[in-house]
N, C-alpha and C. Protein backbone atom coordinates (compact mmCIF):
# COMPACT_ATOMS: atom_id res chain seq x y z
N VAL A 1 -1.37 -16.12 -13.40
CA VAL A 1 -2.58 -16.02 -14.22
C VAL A 1 -3.41 -17.28 -14.05
N ILE A 2 -4.69 -17.12 -13.79
CA ILE A 2 -5.62 -18.24 -13.70
C ILE A 2 -6.38 -18.34 -15.00
N PHE A 3 -6.41 -19.54 -15.58
CA PHE A 3 -7.10 -19.72 -16.85
C PHE A 3 -8.51 -20.24 -16.61
N LYS A 4 -9.45 -19.71 -17.36
CA LYS A 4 -10.84 -20.13 -17.31
C LYS A 4 -11.28 -20.35 -18.75
N GLY A 5 -11.33 -21.62 -19.14
CA GLY A 5 -11.59 -21.91 -20.55
C GLY A 5 -10.42 -21.44 -21.39
N ASP A 6 -10.70 -20.65 -22.41
CA ASP A 6 -9.64 -20.13 -23.28
C ASP A 6 -9.15 -18.76 -22.82
N ASN A 7 -9.71 -18.24 -21.75
CA ASN A 7 -9.36 -16.91 -21.28
C ASN A 7 -8.57 -16.98 -19.97
N PHE A 8 -7.86 -15.91 -19.65
CA PHE A 8 -7.17 -15.85 -18.37
C PHE A 8 -7.78 -14.75 -17.51
N ILE A 9 -7.69 -14.94 -16.21
CA ILE A 9 -8.22 -13.98 -15.26
C ILE A 9 -7.05 -13.21 -14.67
N LEU A 10 -7.09 -11.89 -14.79
CA LEU A 10 -6.01 -11.04 -14.28
C LEU A 10 -6.30 -10.66 -12.83
N ILE A 11 -5.38 -11.00 -11.94
CA ILE A 11 -5.55 -10.72 -10.51
C ILE A 11 -4.64 -9.56 -10.12
N ALA A 12 -5.24 -8.51 -9.59
CA ALA A 12 -4.48 -7.34 -9.15
C ALA A 12 -4.51 -7.27 -7.63
N GLY A 13 -3.37 -6.92 -7.02
CA GLY A 13 -3.27 -6.80 -5.58
C GLY A 13 -3.11 -5.36 -5.15
N ILE A 14 -3.74 -5.00 -4.05
CA ILE A 14 -3.59 -3.68 -3.44
C ILE A 14 -3.30 -3.91 -1.96
N ILE A 15 -2.28 -3.24 -1.44
CA ILE A 15 -1.89 -3.38 -0.03
C ILE A 15 -2.25 -2.09 0.69
N ALA A 16 -3.03 -2.20 1.77
CA ALA A 16 -3.51 -0.98 2.41
C ALA A 16 -3.90 -1.22 3.86
N GLU A 17 -4.11 -0.12 4.57
CA GLU A 17 -4.66 -0.19 5.92
C GLU A 17 -6.14 0.19 5.93
N PHE A 18 -6.54 1.03 4.96
CA PHE A 18 -7.93 1.50 4.89
C PHE A 18 -8.37 2.02 6.25
N ASN A 19 -7.60 2.97 6.78
CA ASN A 19 -7.83 3.45 8.15
C ASN A 19 -8.13 4.95 8.18
N PRO A 20 -9.28 5.38 7.63
CA PRO A 20 -10.32 4.58 6.98
C PRO A 20 -10.15 4.59 5.46
N LEU A 21 -10.92 3.74 4.79
CA LEU A 21 -10.96 3.77 3.33
C LEU A 21 -11.61 5.09 2.92
N HIS A 22 -10.96 5.80 1.99
CA HIS A 22 -11.49 7.10 1.57
C HIS A 22 -11.48 7.21 0.05
N SER A 23 -11.74 8.39 -0.46
CA SER A 23 -11.92 8.57 -1.90
C SER A 23 -10.68 8.24 -2.72
N ALA A 24 -9.49 8.51 -2.17
CA ALA A 24 -8.26 8.20 -2.90
C ALA A 24 -8.07 6.68 -2.99
N HIS A 25 -8.46 5.95 -1.95
CA HIS A 25 -8.41 4.48 -2.02
C HIS A 25 -9.34 3.96 -3.11
N LYS A 26 -10.54 4.54 -3.15
CA LYS A 26 -11.51 4.14 -4.18
C LYS A 26 -10.94 4.42 -5.57
N TYR A 27 -10.23 5.54 -5.71
CA TYR A 27 -9.60 5.89 -6.97
C TYR A 27 -8.56 4.84 -7.37
N LEU A 28 -7.78 4.36 -6.41
CA LEU A 28 -6.77 3.34 -6.68
C LEU A 28 -7.43 2.03 -7.13
N ILE A 29 -8.48 1.63 -6.44
CA ILE A 29 -9.21 0.42 -6.82
C ILE A 29 -9.80 0.57 -8.23
N ASP A 30 -10.37 1.73 -8.51
CA ASP A 30 -10.95 1.98 -9.84
C ASP A 30 -9.88 1.93 -10.93
N CYS A 31 -8.68 2.46 -10.64
CA CYS A 31 -7.59 2.44 -11.63
C CYS A 31 -7.21 1.01 -11.96
N ALA A 32 -7.14 0.15 -10.94
CA ALA A 32 -6.80 -1.26 -11.18
C ALA A 32 -7.85 -1.92 -12.06
N ARG A 33 -9.11 -1.62 -11.80
CA ARG A 33 -10.19 -2.20 -12.60
C ARG A 33 -10.13 -1.68 -14.04
N GLN A 34 -9.91 -0.39 -14.19
CA GLN A 34 -9.86 0.21 -15.53
C GLN A 34 -8.67 -0.29 -16.33
N ASN A 35 -7.63 -0.76 -15.64
CA ASN A 35 -6.45 -1.29 -16.33
C ASN A 35 -6.58 -2.78 -16.62
N GLY A 36 -7.77 -3.34 -16.43
CA GLY A 36 -8.02 -4.72 -16.85
C GLY A 36 -8.06 -5.77 -15.77
N ALA A 37 -8.02 -5.37 -14.49
CA ALA A 37 -8.07 -6.36 -13.42
C ALA A 37 -9.45 -7.03 -13.38
N ASP A 38 -9.45 -8.35 -13.42
CA ASP A 38 -10.70 -9.11 -13.28
C ASP A 38 -11.04 -9.33 -11.82
N ILE A 39 -10.01 -9.57 -11.02
CA ILE A 39 -10.18 -9.77 -9.58
C ILE A 39 -9.22 -8.84 -8.85
N ILE A 40 -9.75 -8.10 -7.89
CA ILE A 40 -8.93 -7.19 -7.08
C ILE A 40 -8.87 -7.73 -5.66
N VAL A 41 -7.66 -8.07 -5.25
CA VAL A 41 -7.43 -8.62 -3.92
C VAL A 41 -6.73 -7.57 -3.06
N CYS A 42 -7.34 -7.21 -1.95
CA CYS A 42 -6.73 -6.25 -1.04
C CYS A 42 -6.13 -6.97 0.16
N VAL A 43 -4.87 -6.73 0.41
CA VAL A 43 -4.23 -7.20 1.64
C VAL A 43 -4.31 -6.05 2.63
N MET A 44 -4.98 -6.26 3.73
CA MET A 44 -5.29 -5.17 4.66
C MET A 44 -4.86 -5.49 6.09
N SER A 45 -4.31 -4.51 6.77
CA SER A 45 -4.00 -4.66 8.19
C SER A 45 -5.27 -5.00 8.94
N GLY A 46 -5.11 -5.77 10.03
CA GLY A 46 -6.27 -6.12 10.84
C GLY A 46 -6.65 -4.99 11.79
N ASN A 47 -6.85 -5.30 13.06
CA ASN A 47 -7.31 -4.29 14.01
C ASN A 47 -6.19 -3.38 14.51
N PHE A 48 -4.94 -3.71 14.17
CA PHE A 48 -3.80 -2.87 14.57
C PHE A 48 -2.99 -2.48 13.35
N VAL A 49 -2.57 -1.24 13.29
CA VAL A 49 -1.93 -0.69 12.10
C VAL A 49 -0.47 -0.35 12.38
N GLN A 50 0.23 0.05 11.31
CA GLN A 50 1.69 0.17 11.36
C GLN A 50 2.19 1.19 12.38
N ARG A 51 1.42 2.23 12.62
CA ARG A 51 1.89 3.25 13.57
C ARG A 51 1.78 2.78 15.02
N GLY A 52 1.31 1.54 15.24
CA GLY A 52 1.29 0.95 16.57
C GLY A 52 0.04 1.25 17.37
N GLU A 53 -1.05 1.53 16.69
CA GLU A 53 -2.29 1.82 17.40
C GLU A 53 -3.44 1.03 16.79
N GLY A 54 -4.57 1.01 17.50
CA GLY A 54 -5.73 0.34 16.97
C GLY A 54 -6.32 1.11 15.80
N ALA A 55 -6.87 0.39 14.84
CA ALA A 55 -7.50 1.04 13.68
C ALA A 55 -8.77 1.77 14.12
N LEU A 56 -9.15 2.76 13.34
CA LEU A 56 -10.33 3.57 13.66
C LEU A 56 -11.59 2.72 13.70
N PHE A 57 -11.73 1.81 12.74
CA PHE A 57 -12.86 0.89 12.69
C PHE A 57 -12.34 -0.54 12.70
N THR A 58 -13.17 -1.50 13.09
CA THR A 58 -12.74 -2.88 13.14
C THR A 58 -12.36 -3.39 11.75
N LYS A 59 -11.60 -4.48 11.73
CA LYS A 59 -11.21 -5.06 10.45
C LYS A 59 -12.42 -5.54 9.67
N TRP A 60 -13.49 -5.92 10.38
CA TRP A 60 -14.69 -6.40 9.69
C TRP A 60 -15.39 -5.24 8.98
N ALA A 61 -15.50 -4.09 9.63
CA ALA A 61 -16.13 -2.92 9.01
C ALA A 61 -15.29 -2.44 7.83
N ARG A 62 -13.97 -2.42 8.00
CA ARG A 62 -13.10 -1.95 6.93
C ARG A 62 -13.10 -2.92 5.75
N THR A 63 -13.24 -4.22 6.04
CA THR A 63 -13.36 -5.21 4.96
C THR A 63 -14.64 -4.97 4.17
N GLN A 64 -15.75 -4.78 4.87
CA GLN A 64 -17.02 -4.53 4.19
C GLN A 64 -16.95 -3.26 3.34
N ALA A 65 -16.30 -2.23 3.86
CA ALA A 65 -16.15 -0.99 3.10
C ALA A 65 -15.36 -1.24 1.81
N ALA A 66 -14.28 -2.03 1.91
CA ALA A 66 -13.46 -2.33 0.72
C ALA A 66 -14.26 -3.12 -0.31
N LEU A 67 -15.03 -4.09 0.16
CA LEU A 67 -15.83 -4.91 -0.77
C LEU A 67 -16.91 -4.07 -1.44
N LYS A 68 -17.51 -3.15 -0.71
CA LYS A 68 -18.55 -2.29 -1.27
C LYS A 68 -17.96 -1.27 -2.25
N CYS A 69 -16.66 -1.00 -2.11
CA CYS A 69 -16.03 0.03 -2.95
C CYS A 69 -15.20 -0.56 -4.09
N GLY A 70 -15.39 -1.85 -4.40
CA GLY A 70 -14.77 -2.39 -5.61
C GLY A 70 -13.83 -3.56 -5.44
N ALA A 71 -13.40 -3.85 -4.22
CA ALA A 71 -12.53 -5.01 -4.02
C ALA A 71 -13.36 -6.30 -4.12
N ASP A 72 -12.71 -7.37 -4.54
CA ASP A 72 -13.39 -8.67 -4.62
C ASP A 72 -13.08 -9.57 -3.44
N ILE A 73 -11.86 -9.45 -2.92
CA ILE A 73 -11.40 -10.27 -1.80
C ILE A 73 -10.54 -9.40 -0.89
N VAL A 74 -10.66 -9.60 0.42
CA VAL A 74 -9.79 -8.92 1.37
C VAL A 74 -9.10 -9.98 2.22
N ILE A 75 -7.77 -9.91 2.30
CA ILE A 75 -6.98 -10.85 3.09
C ILE A 75 -6.31 -10.07 4.22
N GLU A 76 -6.38 -10.58 5.43
CA GLU A 76 -5.77 -9.88 6.56
C GLU A 76 -4.26 -10.06 6.58
N LEU A 77 -3.56 -8.95 6.74
CA LEU A 77 -2.11 -8.98 6.94
C LEU A 77 -1.85 -9.24 8.42
N PRO A 78 -1.20 -10.36 8.77
CA PRO A 78 -0.97 -10.68 10.18
C PRO A 78 -0.28 -9.54 10.92
N VAL A 79 -0.58 -9.43 12.21
CA VAL A 79 -0.10 -8.31 13.00
C VAL A 79 1.43 -8.26 13.06
N ARG A 80 2.11 -9.39 12.95
CA ARG A 80 3.58 -9.39 12.98
C ARG A 80 4.14 -8.60 11.80
N TYR A 81 3.37 -8.47 10.73
CA TYR A 81 3.77 -7.66 9.58
C TYR A 81 3.12 -6.28 9.62
N SER A 82 1.87 -6.22 10.03
CA SER A 82 1.13 -4.96 9.95
C SER A 82 1.70 -3.89 10.88
N MET A 83 2.39 -4.31 11.96
CA MET A 83 2.96 -3.34 12.89
C MET A 83 4.48 -3.30 12.81
N ALA A 84 5.03 -3.83 11.73
CA ALA A 84 6.49 -3.90 11.56
C ALA A 84 7.01 -2.74 10.73
N THR A 85 8.30 -2.79 10.42
CA THR A 85 8.92 -1.78 9.56
C THR A 85 8.33 -1.87 8.15
N ALA A 86 8.59 -0.84 7.36
CA ALA A 86 8.09 -0.82 5.99
C ALA A 86 8.57 -2.05 5.20
N MET A 87 9.82 -2.45 5.45
CA MET A 87 10.37 -3.60 4.73
C MET A 87 9.60 -4.88 5.06
N LYS A 88 9.36 -5.13 6.36
CA LYS A 88 8.65 -6.34 6.77
C LYS A 88 7.17 -6.26 6.39
N PHE A 89 6.60 -5.08 6.50
CA PHE A 89 5.22 -4.85 6.09
C PHE A 89 5.04 -5.26 4.63
N ALA A 90 5.96 -4.78 3.78
CA ALA A 90 5.89 -5.08 2.35
C ALA A 90 6.13 -6.56 2.07
N LEU A 91 7.13 -7.15 2.73
CA LEU A 91 7.43 -8.56 2.50
C LEU A 91 6.25 -9.45 2.86
N GLY A 92 5.62 -9.19 4.00
CA GLY A 92 4.48 -9.99 4.42
C GLY A 92 3.33 -9.88 3.44
N ALA A 93 3.04 -8.67 2.99
CA ALA A 93 1.93 -8.46 2.08
C ALA A 93 2.18 -9.07 0.70
N VAL A 94 3.39 -8.91 0.18
CA VAL A 94 3.72 -9.46 -1.13
C VAL A 94 3.70 -10.99 -1.09
N LYS A 95 4.15 -11.57 0.02
CA LYS A 95 4.08 -13.03 0.16
C LYS A 95 2.65 -13.52 0.04
N LEU A 96 1.74 -12.83 0.69
CA LEU A 96 0.32 -13.22 0.62
C LEU A 96 -0.21 -13.11 -0.80
N LEU A 97 0.13 -12.03 -1.48
CA LEU A 97 -0.35 -11.84 -2.86
C LEU A 97 0.26 -12.86 -3.81
N ASP A 98 1.52 -13.19 -3.60
CA ASP A 98 2.14 -14.23 -4.42
C ASP A 98 1.46 -15.58 -4.17
N GLY A 99 1.04 -15.80 -2.94
CA GLY A 99 0.40 -17.07 -2.60
C GLY A 99 -0.94 -17.27 -3.28
N ILE A 100 -1.60 -16.17 -3.68
CA ILE A 100 -2.87 -16.32 -4.40
C ILE A 100 -2.71 -15.99 -5.89
N ASN A 101 -1.45 -16.03 -6.36
CA ASN A 101 -1.15 -15.87 -7.79
C ASN A 101 -1.51 -14.50 -8.36
N ALA A 102 -1.31 -13.45 -7.57
CA ALA A 102 -1.55 -12.10 -8.10
C ALA A 102 -0.57 -11.81 -9.23
N ASP A 103 -1.07 -11.17 -10.27
CA ASP A 103 -0.24 -10.85 -11.44
C ASP A 103 0.46 -9.51 -11.30
N CYS A 104 -0.19 -8.57 -10.58
CA CYS A 104 0.32 -7.21 -10.54
C CYS A 104 -0.09 -6.56 -9.22
N ILE A 105 0.78 -5.73 -8.68
CA ILE A 105 0.46 -4.96 -7.48
C ILE A 105 0.30 -3.49 -7.87
N TYR A 106 -0.78 -2.89 -7.42
CA TYR A 106 -1.03 -1.47 -7.63
C TYR A 106 -0.78 -0.73 -6.32
N PHE A 107 -0.09 0.41 -6.41
CA PHE A 107 0.13 1.20 -5.20
C PHE A 107 0.17 2.68 -5.53
N GLY A 108 -0.16 3.50 -4.54
CA GLY A 108 -0.08 4.94 -4.72
C GLY A 108 1.36 5.41 -4.60
N SER A 109 1.68 6.50 -5.28
CA SER A 109 3.07 6.98 -5.30
C SER A 109 3.07 8.49 -5.52
N GLU A 110 3.91 9.18 -4.75
CA GLU A 110 4.01 10.63 -4.97
C GLU A 110 4.64 10.95 -6.32
N CYS A 111 5.67 10.19 -6.72
CA CYS A 111 6.35 10.50 -7.99
C CYS A 111 5.63 9.88 -9.19
N GLY A 112 5.01 8.73 -8.99
CA GLY A 112 4.30 8.06 -10.09
C GLY A 112 5.22 7.54 -11.18
N ASP A 113 6.51 7.45 -10.91
CA ASP A 113 7.50 7.05 -11.91
C ASP A 113 8.01 5.65 -11.58
N GLU A 114 7.51 4.65 -12.28
CA GLU A 114 7.88 3.26 -11.99
C GLU A 114 9.36 2.98 -12.23
N ASN A 115 9.92 3.60 -13.26
CA ASN A 115 11.34 3.38 -13.56
C ASN A 115 12.23 3.93 -12.44
N LEU A 116 11.87 5.11 -11.93
CA LEU A 116 12.64 5.72 -10.85
C LEU A 116 12.51 4.89 -9.58
N ILE A 117 11.31 4.42 -9.28
CA ILE A 117 11.11 3.58 -8.09
C ILE A 117 11.95 2.32 -8.18
N LYS A 118 11.97 1.68 -9.35
CA LYS A 118 12.76 0.47 -9.55
C LYS A 118 14.25 0.77 -9.41
N GLU A 119 14.68 1.90 -9.94
CA GLU A 119 16.09 2.29 -9.86
C GLU A 119 16.52 2.46 -8.40
N VAL A 120 15.70 3.14 -7.61
CA VAL A 120 16.02 3.35 -6.19
C VAL A 120 15.96 2.03 -5.43
N ALA A 121 14.98 1.19 -5.77
CA ALA A 121 14.86 -0.12 -5.11
C ALA A 121 16.12 -0.95 -5.34
N ASP A 122 16.65 -0.93 -6.55
CA ASP A 122 17.88 -1.66 -6.87
C ASP A 122 19.06 -1.12 -6.05
N LYS A 123 19.12 0.20 -5.90
CA LYS A 123 20.20 0.81 -5.13
C LYS A 123 20.12 0.40 -3.66
N VAL A 124 18.90 0.33 -3.15
CA VAL A 124 18.71 -0.09 -1.76
C VAL A 124 19.21 -1.51 -1.56
N GLN A 125 18.86 -2.39 -2.50
CA GLN A 125 19.30 -3.79 -2.39
C GLN A 125 20.82 -3.89 -2.41
N LYS A 126 21.46 -3.09 -3.25
CA LYS A 126 22.91 -3.13 -3.36
C LYS A 126 23.61 -2.50 -2.15
N SER A 127 22.83 -1.79 -1.33
CA SER A 127 23.40 -1.11 -0.16
C SER A 127 23.08 -1.83 1.13
N ASP A 128 22.69 -3.10 1.05
CA ASP A 128 22.28 -3.85 2.24
C ASP A 128 23.35 -3.84 3.33
N GLU A 129 24.61 -4.06 2.95
CA GLU A 129 25.69 -4.13 3.94
C GLU A 129 25.89 -2.77 4.62
N LYS A 130 25.82 -1.71 3.84
CA LYS A 130 25.99 -0.37 4.40
C LYS A 130 24.84 -0.04 5.34
N ILE A 131 23.62 -0.42 4.95
CA ILE A 131 22.45 -0.18 5.80
C ILE A 131 22.58 -0.94 7.11
N LEU A 132 23.00 -2.20 7.02
CA LEU A 132 23.18 -3.01 8.22
C LEU A 132 24.20 -2.39 9.16
N SER A 133 25.28 -1.87 8.59
CA SER A 133 26.32 -1.22 9.39
C SER A 133 25.75 0.00 10.12
N LEU A 134 24.93 0.77 9.43
CA LEU A 134 24.33 1.96 10.04
C LEU A 134 23.33 1.59 11.12
N LEU A 135 22.61 0.49 10.90
CA LEU A 135 21.64 0.02 11.90
C LEU A 135 22.34 -0.32 13.22
N LYS A 136 23.55 -0.86 13.11
CA LYS A 136 24.31 -1.23 14.30
C LYS A 136 24.72 -0.01 15.12
N GLU A 137 24.64 1.16 14.48
CA GLU A 137 24.94 2.40 15.20
C GLU A 137 23.74 2.88 16.02
N GLY A 138 22.59 2.19 15.83
CA GLY A 138 21.41 2.51 16.63
C GLY A 138 20.39 3.41 15.98
N ILE A 139 20.59 3.73 14.70
CA ILE A 139 19.60 4.58 14.03
C ILE A 139 18.51 3.71 13.41
N SER A 140 17.40 4.32 13.04
CA SER A 140 16.27 3.58 12.49
C SER A 140 16.58 3.08 11.08
N TYR A 141 15.81 2.09 10.65
CA TYR A 141 16.00 1.55 9.30
C TYR A 141 15.78 2.62 8.25
N ALA A 142 14.73 3.43 8.42
CA ALA A 142 14.44 4.48 7.44
C ALA A 142 15.59 5.47 7.31
N SER A 143 16.17 5.85 8.45
CA SER A 143 17.29 6.79 8.43
C SER A 143 18.53 6.15 7.81
N ALA A 144 18.76 4.88 8.14
CA ALA A 144 19.92 4.18 7.59
C ALA A 144 19.81 4.06 6.08
N ARG A 145 18.63 3.75 5.61
CA ARG A 145 18.43 3.63 4.17
C ARG A 145 18.62 4.96 3.47
N GLN A 146 18.11 6.04 4.08
CA GLN A 146 18.24 7.37 3.50
C GLN A 146 19.71 7.78 3.40
N LYS A 147 20.51 7.42 4.42
CA LYS A 147 21.94 7.75 4.41
C LYS A 147 22.68 6.92 3.37
N ALA A 148 22.30 5.64 3.26
CA ALA A 148 22.99 4.74 2.34
C ALA A 148 22.65 5.03 0.89
N VAL A 149 21.40 5.41 0.66
CA VAL A 149 20.93 5.68 -0.71
C VAL A 149 20.33 7.07 -0.73
N SER A 150 21.07 8.01 -1.23
CA SER A 150 20.59 9.38 -1.29
C SER A 150 19.63 9.54 -2.45
N SER A 151 18.35 9.64 -2.14
CA SER A 151 17.34 9.81 -3.18
C SER A 151 16.19 10.63 -2.64
N GLU A 152 15.75 11.59 -3.41
CA GLU A 152 14.67 12.49 -2.97
C GLU A 152 13.38 11.72 -2.69
N ILE A 153 13.12 10.68 -3.46
CA ILE A 153 11.83 10.00 -3.29
C ILE A 153 11.74 9.24 -1.97
N LEU A 154 12.89 8.96 -1.33
CA LEU A 154 12.85 8.26 -0.05
C LEU A 154 12.37 9.16 1.08
N SER A 155 12.14 10.43 0.78
CA SER A 155 11.55 11.33 1.78
C SER A 155 10.03 11.38 1.63
N ASN A 156 9.51 10.68 0.62
CA ASN A 156 8.06 10.64 0.40
C ASN A 156 7.49 9.34 0.97
N PRO A 157 6.49 9.42 1.85
CA PRO A 157 5.97 8.22 2.53
C PRO A 157 5.50 7.12 1.58
N ASN A 158 4.71 7.46 0.56
CA ASN A 158 4.20 6.43 -0.35
C ASN A 158 5.30 5.88 -1.25
N ASP A 159 6.21 6.74 -1.69
CA ASP A 159 7.32 6.28 -2.53
C ASP A 159 8.25 5.36 -1.73
N THR A 160 8.44 5.69 -0.45
CA THR A 160 9.26 4.86 0.42
C THR A 160 8.69 3.44 0.49
N LEU A 161 7.38 3.34 0.67
CA LEU A 161 6.73 2.04 0.74
C LEU A 161 6.77 1.36 -0.63
N ALA A 162 6.62 2.15 -1.68
CA ALA A 162 6.68 1.60 -3.04
C ALA A 162 8.02 0.92 -3.30
N VAL A 163 9.11 1.55 -2.85
CA VAL A 163 10.44 0.96 -3.01
C VAL A 163 10.51 -0.39 -2.30
N GLU A 164 9.90 -0.49 -1.12
CA GLU A 164 9.91 -1.76 -0.39
C GLU A 164 9.03 -2.81 -1.08
N TYR A 165 7.92 -2.39 -1.67
CA TYR A 165 7.10 -3.34 -2.43
C TYR A 165 7.90 -3.93 -3.59
N VAL A 166 8.61 -3.07 -4.31
CA VAL A 166 9.38 -3.52 -5.47
C VAL A 166 10.51 -4.44 -5.03
N ASN A 167 11.17 -4.12 -3.92
CA ASN A 167 12.22 -5.01 -3.41
C ASN A 167 11.64 -6.35 -2.98
N ALA A 168 10.47 -6.32 -2.37
CA ALA A 168 9.83 -7.58 -1.95
C ALA A 168 9.46 -8.42 -3.16
N ILE A 169 8.97 -7.78 -4.20
CA ILE A 169 8.64 -8.50 -5.44
C ILE A 169 9.87 -9.17 -6.02
N SER A 170 10.99 -8.44 -6.04
CA SER A 170 12.22 -9.00 -6.62
C SER A 170 12.72 -10.20 -5.83
N ARG A 171 12.45 -10.23 -4.54
CA ARG A 171 12.89 -11.34 -3.70
C ARG A 171 11.94 -12.53 -3.76
N ILE A 172 10.66 -12.25 -3.89
CA ILE A 172 9.65 -13.31 -3.79
C ILE A 172 9.22 -13.86 -5.14
N ASN A 173 8.96 -12.96 -6.09
CA ASN A 173 8.52 -13.40 -7.42
C ASN A 173 8.81 -12.29 -8.43
N PRO A 174 9.98 -12.31 -9.06
CA PRO A 174 10.35 -11.26 -10.01
C PRO A 174 9.41 -11.15 -11.22
N ASN A 175 8.59 -12.17 -11.43
CA ASN A 175 7.66 -12.12 -12.56
C ASN A 175 6.42 -11.30 -12.25
N MET A 176 6.20 -10.98 -11.00
CA MET A 176 5.05 -10.16 -10.63
C MET A 176 5.27 -8.72 -11.11
N LYS A 177 4.25 -8.14 -11.69
CA LYS A 177 4.34 -6.77 -12.19
C LYS A 177 3.93 -5.80 -11.09
N PHE A 178 4.22 -4.52 -11.32
CA PHE A 178 3.75 -3.49 -10.39
C PHE A 178 3.39 -2.24 -11.16
N LYS A 179 2.43 -1.51 -10.64
CA LYS A 179 1.94 -0.30 -11.30
C LYS A 179 1.81 0.81 -10.27
N ALA A 180 2.53 1.91 -10.51
CA ALA A 180 2.47 3.06 -9.61
C ALA A 180 1.38 4.02 -10.10
N ILE A 181 0.45 4.33 -9.22
CA ILE A 181 -0.60 5.29 -9.53
C ILE A 181 -0.27 6.59 -8.79
N LYS A 182 -0.08 7.65 -9.55
CA LYS A 182 0.35 8.92 -8.94
C LYS A 182 -0.69 9.42 -7.94
N ARG A 183 -0.22 9.73 -6.75
CA ARG A 183 -1.10 10.21 -5.69
C ARG A 183 -1.68 11.56 -6.09
N ILE A 184 -2.97 11.73 -5.87
CA ILE A 184 -3.62 13.01 -6.16
C ILE A 184 -4.24 13.53 -4.87
N GLY A 185 -4.50 14.83 -4.83
CA GLY A 185 -5.13 15.41 -3.65
C GLY A 185 -4.13 15.72 -2.56
N ALA A 186 -4.59 15.63 -1.32
CA ALA A 186 -3.76 15.99 -0.17
C ALA A 186 -2.58 15.03 0.00
N LYS A 187 -1.48 15.55 0.55
CA LYS A 187 -0.31 14.72 0.82
C LYS A 187 -0.57 13.78 2.00
N HIS A 188 0.27 12.77 2.11
CA HIS A 188 0.19 11.82 3.22
C HIS A 188 0.25 12.56 4.55
N ASP A 189 -0.70 12.28 5.43
CA ASP A 189 -0.79 12.89 6.77
C ASP A 189 -1.12 14.38 6.74
N SER A 190 -1.42 14.93 5.56
CA SER A 190 -1.77 16.35 5.48
C SER A 190 -3.10 16.61 6.20
N GLN A 191 -3.20 17.76 6.84
CA GLN A 191 -4.45 18.16 7.49
C GLN A 191 -5.25 19.12 6.61
N GLU A 192 -4.90 19.14 5.34
CA GLU A 192 -5.61 19.97 4.36
C GLU A 192 -6.96 19.35 4.02
N GLN A 193 -7.99 20.18 3.96
CA GLN A 193 -9.30 19.70 3.52
C GLN A 193 -9.32 19.69 2.00
N ASN A 194 -9.57 18.53 1.43
CA ASN A 194 -9.40 18.33 0.00
C ASN A 194 -10.37 17.26 -0.46
N GLU A 195 -10.72 17.28 -1.75
CA GLU A 195 -11.59 16.22 -2.28
C GLU A 195 -11.02 14.85 -1.98
N PHE A 196 -9.67 14.74 -2.04
CA PHE A 196 -8.98 13.50 -1.69
C PHE A 196 -8.19 13.75 -0.41
N CYS A 197 -8.89 13.80 0.72
CA CYS A 197 -8.26 14.06 2.01
C CYS A 197 -7.39 12.87 2.43
N SER A 198 -6.41 13.15 3.27
CA SER A 198 -5.59 12.07 3.82
C SER A 198 -6.39 11.31 4.88
N ALA A 199 -5.98 10.07 5.13
CA ALA A 199 -6.63 9.28 6.17
C ALA A 199 -6.40 9.93 7.54
N SER A 200 -5.24 10.54 7.71
CA SER A 200 -4.93 11.22 8.97
C SER A 200 -5.92 12.35 9.23
N TYR A 201 -6.21 13.13 8.20
CA TYR A 201 -7.18 14.23 8.35
C TYR A 201 -8.54 13.69 8.78
N LEU A 202 -8.96 12.59 8.16
CA LEU A 202 -10.27 12.03 8.47
C LEU A 202 -10.32 11.46 9.88
N ARG A 203 -9.22 10.85 10.32
CA ARG A 203 -9.20 10.33 11.70
C ARG A 203 -9.32 11.46 12.71
N ASN A 204 -8.82 12.64 12.35
CA ASN A 204 -8.87 13.79 13.25
C ASN A 204 -10.15 14.61 13.09
N ASN A 205 -10.92 14.30 12.05
CA ASN A 205 -12.13 15.07 11.76
C ASN A 205 -13.27 14.12 11.38
N LEU A 206 -13.72 13.36 12.34
CA LEU A 206 -14.72 12.34 12.06
C LEU A 206 -16.03 12.93 11.54
N ASP A 207 -16.29 14.20 11.87
CA ASP A 207 -17.51 14.83 11.39
C ASP A 207 -17.47 15.09 9.88
N LYS A 208 -16.27 14.91 9.26
CA LYS A 208 -16.12 15.13 7.82
C LYS A 208 -16.23 13.83 7.01
N LEU A 209 -16.40 12.70 7.68
CA LEU A 209 -16.40 11.42 6.96
C LEU A 209 -17.42 11.39 5.84
N GLU A 210 -18.62 11.80 6.12
CA GLU A 210 -19.68 11.72 5.10
C GLU A 210 -19.33 12.54 3.86
N GLN A 211 -18.59 13.61 4.05
CA GLN A 211 -18.25 14.50 2.94
C GLN A 211 -17.11 13.97 2.08
N PHE A 212 -16.18 13.20 2.69
CA PHE A 212 -14.96 12.86 1.98
C PHE A 212 -14.67 11.38 1.81
N VAL A 213 -15.60 10.52 2.17
CA VAL A 213 -15.41 9.09 1.87
C VAL A 213 -16.53 8.63 0.96
N PRO A 214 -16.31 7.54 0.19
CA PRO A 214 -17.37 7.03 -0.68
C PRO A 214 -18.63 6.71 0.14
N LYS A 215 -19.78 6.95 -0.45
CA LYS A 215 -21.04 6.76 0.28
C LYS A 215 -21.18 5.31 0.78
N ALA A 216 -20.76 4.35 -0.04
CA ALA A 216 -20.89 2.95 0.35
C ALA A 216 -20.08 2.66 1.60
N ALA A 217 -18.90 3.28 1.72
CA ALA A 217 -18.07 3.10 2.91
C ALA A 217 -18.67 3.83 4.09
N TYR A 218 -19.15 5.04 3.87
CA TYR A 218 -19.72 5.83 4.96
C TYR A 218 -20.91 5.13 5.60
N ASN A 219 -21.74 4.51 4.78
CA ASN A 219 -22.91 3.79 5.31
C ASN A 219 -22.50 2.71 6.30
N ILE A 220 -21.35 2.08 6.05
CA ILE A 220 -20.84 1.05 6.95
C ILE A 220 -20.23 1.67 8.20
N TYR A 221 -19.45 2.74 8.01
CA TYR A 221 -18.83 3.39 9.16
C TYR A 221 -19.91 3.93 10.10
């Protein structure tokens, strides 16, 4: 918390790729503001994203879109984290937010249940040795974690990342809060046309950008 006179300034963090920023991202930013955030800091992948490809728009265009849609500051997530596993992606981003004294991290979640996310995150931490053993067999981290910790939410992309955010918080700064905002609209990577379309749908249907992204972002794109 940063104090200004007799008042404190609440800093909220959002971790994203904004590839591209769309209506659901704007909804997440608005939720953070409505919950009392004075400053919203977005940690954003640069020109390369987690799936190992170049972003649809440059980091400069995506930064401008975020600032026009409610963010106050955008910090680049270094490529060593932005193209890494979910665990390293989360650790890198949470480290940056802790470095600027963020009070709370907001993230989208399919389940929207903070207690359940924390419960699964704790189970994952307690299963580190089992996960490591499975990794030595040559399977992916995601598969090893799913085998070690049987939980339905680990099959959900946003909940999976949420679990890693919570684990990163517990390792870096347990005093940092987190808030799960239930995902609305289309599912992650869904090709369904929806008021809240997935970023994947928009990347595959660039002619739909004007219809499904905030006007301020579209003007920049």
